[in-house]
N, C-alpha and C. Protein backbone atom coordinates (compact mmCIF):
# COMPACT_ATOMS: atom_id res chain seq x y z
N GLN A 1 -28.56 296.92 38.05
CA GLN A 1 -28.52 297.69 39.05
C GLN A 1 -28.30 299.10 38.71
N VAL A 2 -29.04 300.12 38.99
CA VAL A 2 -28.88 301.52 38.62
C VAL A 2 -27.70 302.23 39.51
N GLN A 3 -26.92 302.83 38.85
CA GLN A 3 -25.71 303.38 39.51
C GLN A 3 -25.65 305.00 39.09
N LEU A 4 -25.71 305.89 39.96
CA LEU A 4 -25.39 307.20 39.46
C LEU A 4 -24.22 307.74 40.31
N VAL A 5 -23.39 308.30 39.48
CA VAL A 5 -22.14 308.75 40.15
C VAL A 5 -21.93 310.30 39.75
N GLU A 6 -21.86 311.06 40.81
CA GLU A 6 -21.57 312.53 40.49
C GLU A 6 -20.10 312.81 40.61
N SER A 7 -19.86 313.90 39.89
CA SER A 7 -18.35 314.50 40.05
C SER A 7 -18.43 315.80 39.49
N GLY A 8 -17.19 316.56 39.80
CA GLY A 8 -17.08 317.98 39.25
C GLY A 8 -17.56 319.11 40.25
N GLY A 9 -18.03 318.83 41.32
CA GLY A 9 -18.04 319.78 42.35
C GLY A 9 -16.88 320.36 42.70
N GLY A 10 -16.57 321.45 43.68
CA GLY A 10 -15.69 321.76 43.93
C GLY A 10 -15.77 323.51 44.74
N LEU A 11 -14.64 324.00 44.93
CA LEU A 11 -14.52 325.36 45.69
C LEU A 11 -14.47 326.28 44.48
N VAL A 12 -15.33 327.22 44.49
CA VAL A 12 -15.09 328.52 43.42
C VAL A 12 -15.68 329.87 44.18
N GLN A 13 -15.22 330.88 43.64
CA GLN A 13 -15.42 332.21 44.25
C GLN A 13 -16.77 332.59 43.78
N ALA A 14 -17.34 333.31 44.53
CA ALA A 14 -18.64 333.92 43.91
C ALA A 14 -18.61 334.66 42.55
N GLY A 15 -19.66 334.21 41.66
CA GLY A 15 -19.54 334.79 40.26
C GLY A 15 -18.90 333.82 39.40
N GLY A 16 -18.29 332.71 39.82
CA GLY A 16 -17.57 331.78 39.00
C GLY A 16 -18.59 330.82 38.46
N SER A 17 -18.03 329.68 37.75
CA SER A 17 -18.74 328.76 37.34
C SER A 17 -18.27 327.23 37.65
N LEU A 18 -19.23 326.32 37.68
CA LEU A 18 -18.96 325.12 37.84
C LEU A 18 -19.89 324.20 36.84
N ARG A 19 -19.47 322.96 36.70
CA ARG A 19 -20.09 322.19 35.85
C ARG A 19 -20.13 320.69 36.21
N PRO A 20 -20.72 320.40 37.20
CA PRO A 20 -20.79 319.00 37.79
C PRO A 20 -21.46 317.89 36.83
N PHE A 21 -21.38 316.68 36.87
CA PHE A 21 -21.83 315.78 36.10
C PHE A 21 -22.31 314.62 36.76
N CYS A 22 -23.35 313.86 36.09
CA CYS A 22 -23.75 312.59 36.73
C CYS A 22 -23.68 311.46 35.65
N ALA A 23 -22.95 310.59 35.86
CA ALA A 23 -22.74 309.51 34.97
C ALA A 23 -23.76 308.27 35.24
N ALA A 24 -24.56 307.74 34.66
CA ALA A 24 -25.58 306.66 34.90
C ALA A 24 -25.25 305.44 34.28
N SER A 25 -25.68 304.23 34.88
CA SER A 25 -25.46 302.98 34.45
C SER A 25 -26.58 302.17 34.81
N GLY A 26 -26.91 301.06 34.37
CA GLY A 26 -27.81 300.16 34.65
C GLY A 26 -29.33 300.55 34.36
N MET A 27 -29.29 301.34 33.50
CA MET A 27 -30.63 301.73 33.30
C MET A 27 -30.69 302.39 31.77
N ILE A 28 -31.87 302.40 30.98
CA ILE A 28 -31.96 302.95 29.81
C ILE A 28 -32.00 304.55 29.76
N PHE A 29 -30.90 305.05 29.87
CA PHE A 29 -30.86 306.56 30.16
C PHE A 29 -31.70 307.60 29.50
N SER A 30 -31.89 307.26 28.24
CA SER A 30 -32.79 308.24 27.36
C SER A 30 -34.10 308.12 27.71
N SER A 31 -34.65 306.95 28.23
CA SER A 31 -36.00 306.89 28.80
C SER A 31 -36.20 307.48 30.06
N ASN A 32 -35.40 307.94 30.81
CA ASN A 32 -35.50 308.41 32.04
C ASN A 32 -35.28 309.95 32.12
N ALA A 33 -36.28 310.72 32.96
CA ALA A 33 -36.07 311.88 33.28
C ALA A 33 -34.95 311.99 34.38
N MET A 34 -34.28 313.14 34.30
CA MET A 34 -33.04 313.29 35.32
C MET A 34 -33.17 314.41 36.00
N ALA A 35 -32.66 314.71 37.34
CA ALA A 35 -32.70 315.86 38.12
C ALA A 35 -31.48 316.13 38.96
N TRP A 36 -31.35 317.34 39.26
CA TRP A 36 -30.28 317.57 40.45
C TRP A 36 -31.17 318.21 41.54
N TYR A 37 -30.66 317.79 42.81
CA TYR A 37 -31.20 318.22 44.06
C TYR A 37 -30.02 318.93 44.78
N ARG A 38 -30.18 319.63 45.73
CA ARG A 38 -29.10 320.01 46.77
C ARG A 38 -29.75 320.09 48.03
N GLN A 39 -28.68 320.04 49.02
CA GLN A 39 -29.00 320.06 50.40
C GLN A 39 -27.79 320.81 51.23
N ALA A 40 -28.15 321.87 51.66
CA ALA A 40 -27.31 322.78 52.42
C ALA A 40 -27.53 322.19 54.06
N PRO A 41 -26.46 322.45 54.74
CA PRO A 41 -26.39 322.09 56.28
C PRO A 41 -27.72 322.65 57.09
N GLY A 42 -28.46 321.58 57.57
CA GLY A 42 -29.61 321.98 58.31
C GLY A 42 -30.74 322.40 57.49
N GLN A 43 -30.76 322.18 56.21
CA GLN A 43 -31.99 322.37 55.35
C GLN A 43 -32.23 321.11 54.64
N GLN A 44 -33.68 321.15 54.21
CA GLN A 44 -34.08 320.19 53.41
C GLN A 44 -33.69 320.09 52.09
N ARG A 45 -33.52 318.84 51.43
CA ARG A 45 -33.22 318.75 50.03
C ARG A 45 -34.26 319.27 49.21
N GLU A 46 -33.61 320.09 48.20
CA GLU A 46 -34.52 320.79 47.29
C GLU A 46 -34.28 320.45 45.94
N LEU A 47 -35.21 320.62 45.02
CA LEU A 47 -34.92 320.46 43.59
C LEU A 47 -34.32 321.64 43.04
N VAL A 48 -33.29 321.45 42.18
CA VAL A 48 -32.54 322.48 41.56
C VAL A 48 -33.02 322.62 40.01
N ALA A 49 -33.01 321.48 39.37
CA ALA A 49 -33.14 321.53 38.00
C ALA A 49 -33.66 320.00 37.54
N ALA A 50 -34.43 319.86 36.61
CA ALA A 50 -35.04 318.64 36.09
C ALA A 50 -35.09 318.69 34.48
N ILE A 51 -34.87 317.51 34.05
CA ILE A 51 -35.05 317.50 32.50
C ILE A 51 -35.86 316.24 32.07
N ARG A 52 -36.80 316.23 31.17
CA ARG A 52 -37.49 315.19 30.50
C ARG A 52 -36.55 314.14 30.16
N SER A 53 -37.14 313.23 29.75
CA SER A 53 -36.49 312.08 28.99
C SER A 53 -36.39 312.42 27.61
N GLY A 54 -35.66 311.53 26.95
CA GLY A 54 -35.59 311.69 25.31
C GLY A 54 -34.60 312.99 24.93
N GLY A 55 -35.02 313.76 24.28
CA GLY A 55 -34.40 314.90 23.73
C GLY A 55 -34.14 316.01 24.86
N GLY A 56 -34.87 315.83 26.03
CA GLY A 56 -34.92 316.81 27.04
C GLY A 56 -35.50 318.32 26.69
N SER A 57 -36.44 318.30 25.94
CA SER A 57 -37.15 319.63 25.47
C SER A 57 -37.79 320.33 26.63
N ILE A 58 -38.05 319.43 27.76
CA ILE A 58 -38.95 320.03 28.71
C ILE A 58 -37.90 320.11 30.08
N ARG A 59 -37.76 321.21 30.69
CA ARG A 59 -36.83 321.43 31.78
C ARG A 59 -37.58 322.17 32.86
N ASN A 60 -37.17 321.90 34.00
CA ASN A 60 -37.84 322.80 35.20
C ASN A 60 -36.89 323.23 35.99
N TYR A 61 -36.77 324.30 36.53
CA TYR A 61 -35.71 325.00 37.46
C TYR A 61 -36.34 325.61 38.74
N HIS A 62 -35.63 325.58 39.79
CA HIS A 62 -35.94 326.22 41.04
C HIS A 62 -35.86 327.80 40.61
N ASP A 63 -36.79 328.50 41.30
CA ASP A 63 -36.74 330.03 40.97
C ASP A 63 -35.34 330.59 41.25
N SER A 64 -34.62 330.08 42.29
CA SER A 64 -33.48 330.96 42.65
C SER A 64 -32.37 330.55 41.74
N VAL A 65 -32.47 329.63 40.60
CA VAL A 65 -31.29 329.44 39.90
C VAL A 65 -31.77 329.73 38.35
N LYS A 66 -33.05 330.11 38.15
CA LYS A 66 -33.33 330.48 36.75
C LYS A 66 -32.25 331.58 36.22
N GLY A 67 -31.94 331.25 34.94
CA GLY A 67 -31.11 332.35 34.25
C GLY A 67 -29.50 332.07 34.68
N ARG A 68 -29.27 331.27 35.72
CA ARG A 68 -28.00 330.97 35.95
C ARG A 68 -27.61 329.53 35.80
N PHE A 69 -28.40 328.71 36.02
CA PHE A 69 -28.04 327.28 35.84
C PHE A 69 -28.97 326.71 34.57
N THR A 70 -28.23 325.60 33.94
CA THR A 70 -29.05 324.76 33.05
C THR A 70 -28.73 323.18 33.18
N ILE A 71 -29.45 322.51 32.53
CA ILE A 71 -29.33 321.12 32.78
C ILE A 71 -29.20 320.33 31.54
N PRO A 72 -28.26 320.41 30.86
CA PRO A 72 -27.98 319.71 29.74
C PRO A 72 -27.78 318.09 29.84
N ARG A 73 -28.22 317.31 29.05
CA ARG A 73 -28.14 315.81 29.02
C ARG A 73 -27.54 315.31 27.56
N ASP A 74 -26.68 314.34 27.71
CA ASP A 74 -25.89 313.68 26.68
C ASP A 74 -26.38 312.08 26.72
N ASN A 75 -27.44 311.81 25.81
CA ASN A 75 -27.78 310.47 26.03
C ASN A 75 -26.80 309.56 25.41
N ALA A 76 -25.93 309.81 24.50
CA ALA A 76 -24.87 308.91 24.15
C ALA A 76 -23.76 308.74 25.18
N LYS A 77 -23.64 309.56 26.23
CA LYS A 77 -22.84 309.25 27.15
C LYS A 77 -23.37 308.97 28.35
N ASN A 78 -24.72 308.82 28.63
CA ASN A 78 -25.44 308.33 29.65
C ASN A 78 -25.27 309.57 30.72
N THR A 79 -25.17 310.86 30.57
CA THR A 79 -24.70 311.69 31.51
C THR A 79 -25.64 312.96 31.39
N VAL A 80 -25.84 313.50 32.57
CA VAL A 80 -26.43 314.77 32.74
C VAL A 80 -25.55 315.69 33.44
N TYR A 81 -25.66 316.98 33.10
CA TYR A 81 -24.58 317.82 33.50
C TYR A 81 -25.48 318.95 34.33
N LEU A 82 -24.96 319.84 35.18
CA LEU A 82 -25.49 320.83 35.64
C LEU A 82 -24.54 322.10 35.52
N GLN A 83 -24.86 322.91 34.45
CA GLN A 83 -24.12 324.01 34.24
C GLN A 83 -24.47 325.18 35.07
N MET A 84 -23.50 325.61 36.08
CA MET A 84 -23.83 326.64 37.04
C MET A 84 -22.85 327.82 36.75
N ASN A 85 -23.77 328.89 36.54
CA ASN A 85 -22.80 330.13 36.25
C ASN A 85 -23.44 331.25 37.15
N SER A 86 -22.52 332.26 37.33
CA SER A 86 -22.93 333.27 38.37
C SER A 86 -23.25 332.76 39.77
N LEU A 87 -22.32 331.88 40.10
CA LEU A 87 -22.46 331.16 41.55
C LEU A 87 -22.56 332.31 42.66
N LYS A 88 -23.38 331.99 43.72
CA LYS A 88 -23.57 332.78 44.84
C LYS A 88 -23.09 331.87 46.06
N PRO A 89 -22.75 332.53 47.11
CA PRO A 89 -22.52 331.69 48.34
C PRO A 89 -23.81 330.85 48.86
N GLU A 90 -25.03 331.25 48.65
CA GLU A 90 -26.13 330.50 48.85
C GLU A 90 -26.26 329.30 48.07
N ASP A 91 -25.63 329.21 47.17
CA ASP A 91 -25.44 327.94 46.15
C ASP A 91 -24.70 326.79 46.95
N THR A 92 -23.98 327.27 47.82
CA THR A 92 -23.22 326.21 48.72
C THR A 92 -24.07 325.19 49.20
N ALA A 93 -23.80 323.81 48.88
CA ALA A 93 -24.55 322.56 49.29
C ALA A 93 -23.97 321.36 48.58
N VAL A 94 -24.36 320.18 49.07
CA VAL A 94 -24.28 318.90 48.36
C VAL A 94 -25.20 318.80 47.32
N TYR A 95 -24.90 318.51 46.03
CA TYR A 95 -25.57 318.34 44.91
C TYR A 95 -25.86 316.94 44.56
N TYR A 96 -26.87 316.45 44.54
CA TYR A 96 -27.22 315.09 44.23
C TYR A 96 -27.87 314.85 43.04
N CYS A 97 -27.69 313.73 42.24
CA CYS A 97 -28.32 313.47 40.84
C CYS A 97 -29.45 312.47 41.50
N ASN A 98 -30.59 312.77 40.66
CA ASN A 98 -31.86 311.76 40.80
C ASN A 98 -32.31 311.05 39.42
N ALA A 99 -32.47 309.93 39.44
CA ALA A 99 -33.11 309.21 38.33
C ALA A 99 -34.42 308.49 38.62
N GLY A 100 -35.06 308.25 37.55
CA GLY A 100 -36.47 307.35 37.62
C GLY A 100 -37.53 308.16 38.14
N GLY A 101 -37.39 309.38 38.21
CA GLY A 101 -38.48 310.22 38.49
C GLY A 101 -39.56 310.32 37.30
N LYS A 102 -40.31 311.54 37.61
CA LYS A 102 -41.38 311.88 36.35
C LYS A 102 -41.55 313.14 36.29
N MET A 103 -41.53 313.73 35.11
CA MET A 103 -41.94 315.15 34.90
C MET A 103 -43.55 315.29 34.54
N ASN A 104 -44.21 316.08 35.47
CA ASN A 104 -45.58 316.07 35.42
C ASN A 104 -46.06 317.51 34.87
N TRP A 105 -47.22 317.50 34.46
CA TRP A 105 -47.94 318.80 34.04
C TRP A 105 -49.02 319.07 35.02
N ASP A 106 -49.12 320.39 35.56
CA ASP A 106 -50.09 320.94 36.14
C ASP A 106 -50.19 322.40 36.03
N ALA A 107 -50.56 322.93 35.09
CA ALA A 107 -50.21 324.35 34.53
C ALA A 107 -48.86 324.73 34.34
N THR A 108 -48.17 323.91 34.93
CA THR A 108 -46.59 324.01 34.74
C THR A 108 -46.01 322.80 34.80
N TYR A 109 -44.63 322.67 34.31
CA TYR A 109 -44.20 321.40 34.48
C TYR A 109 -43.49 321.27 35.92
N TYR A 110 -43.65 320.14 36.40
CA TYR A 110 -42.70 319.75 37.83
C TYR A 110 -42.33 318.51 37.80
N TYR A 111 -41.33 318.11 38.55
CA TYR A 111 -40.64 316.94 38.82
C TYR A 111 -41.01 316.31 40.07
N THR A 112 -41.32 314.81 39.79
CA THR A 112 -41.42 314.12 41.29
C THR A 112 -40.23 313.05 41.20
N PRO A 113 -39.44 312.83 42.32
CA PRO A 113 -38.27 312.21 42.24
C PRO A 113 -38.46 310.80 42.27
N GLY A 114 -37.66 310.14 41.55
CA GLY A 114 -37.45 308.56 41.48
C GLY A 114 -36.55 307.98 42.61
N ASP A 115 -36.35 306.68 42.61
CA ASP A 115 -35.82 306.08 43.61
C ASP A 115 -34.28 305.98 43.76
N TYR A 116 -33.58 306.54 42.66
CA TYR A 116 -32.24 306.24 42.42
C TYR A 116 -31.51 307.65 42.84
N TRP A 117 -30.52 307.47 43.57
CA TRP A 117 -29.79 308.88 43.99
C TRP A 117 -28.38 308.32 43.88
N GLY A 118 -27.71 309.61 43.46
CA GLY A 118 -26.14 309.36 43.56
C GLY A 118 -25.65 309.87 45.03
N GLN A 119 -24.25 309.72 45.20
CA GLN A 119 -23.72 310.03 46.57
C GLN A 119 -23.46 311.36 46.87
N GLY A 120 -23.64 312.20 45.73
CA GLY A 120 -23.47 313.59 46.07
C GLY A 120 -22.23 314.26 45.76
N THR A 121 -22.11 315.50 45.32
CA THR A 121 -20.69 316.17 45.17
C THR A 121 -20.97 317.42 45.54
N GLN A 122 -20.03 317.91 46.37
CA GLN A 122 -20.00 319.34 47.32
C GLN A 122 -19.51 320.45 46.53
N VAL A 123 -20.38 321.34 46.40
CA VAL A 123 -20.15 322.59 45.76
C VAL A 123 -20.09 323.76 46.97
N THR A 124 -18.96 324.51 47.05
CA THR A 124 -18.65 325.35 48.02
C THR A 124 -18.51 326.76 47.15
N VAL A 125 -19.12 327.73 47.41
CA VAL A 125 -19.02 329.22 46.85
C VAL A 125 -18.49 329.92 47.99
N SER A 126 -17.55 330.67 47.81
CA SER A 126 -16.88 331.67 48.71
C SER A 126 -17.11 333.02 48.23
N SER A 127 -17.47 333.87 49.30
CA SER A 127 -17.56 335.30 48.99
C SER A 127 -16.62 336.18 48.93
């Protein structure tokens, strides 16, 4: 049974940093692409960042976070992180981990979500 457990969210001032993480179990972690999504109140869930399986050389980012967020993975620890720098109030949302999806190619790389989701971790950025 696949389980994804997020942690590391919190409250931070604008310009600050957070590094939530997602610990996975019940699957061969290194063989799975992983992703972070977020959902703000009244808005649809959107992809923030994704990383391909294996060494993770292929990554995809939402335009609004490029240059500020990165998505490293540690296959030895079955964990994927979301390094969030230069945070803005508009980054406030619940952040969800996703597994089992696929990194696709069509002129650029894009991620389609898998069936497995974590419970989410709240990130709040104050102005």
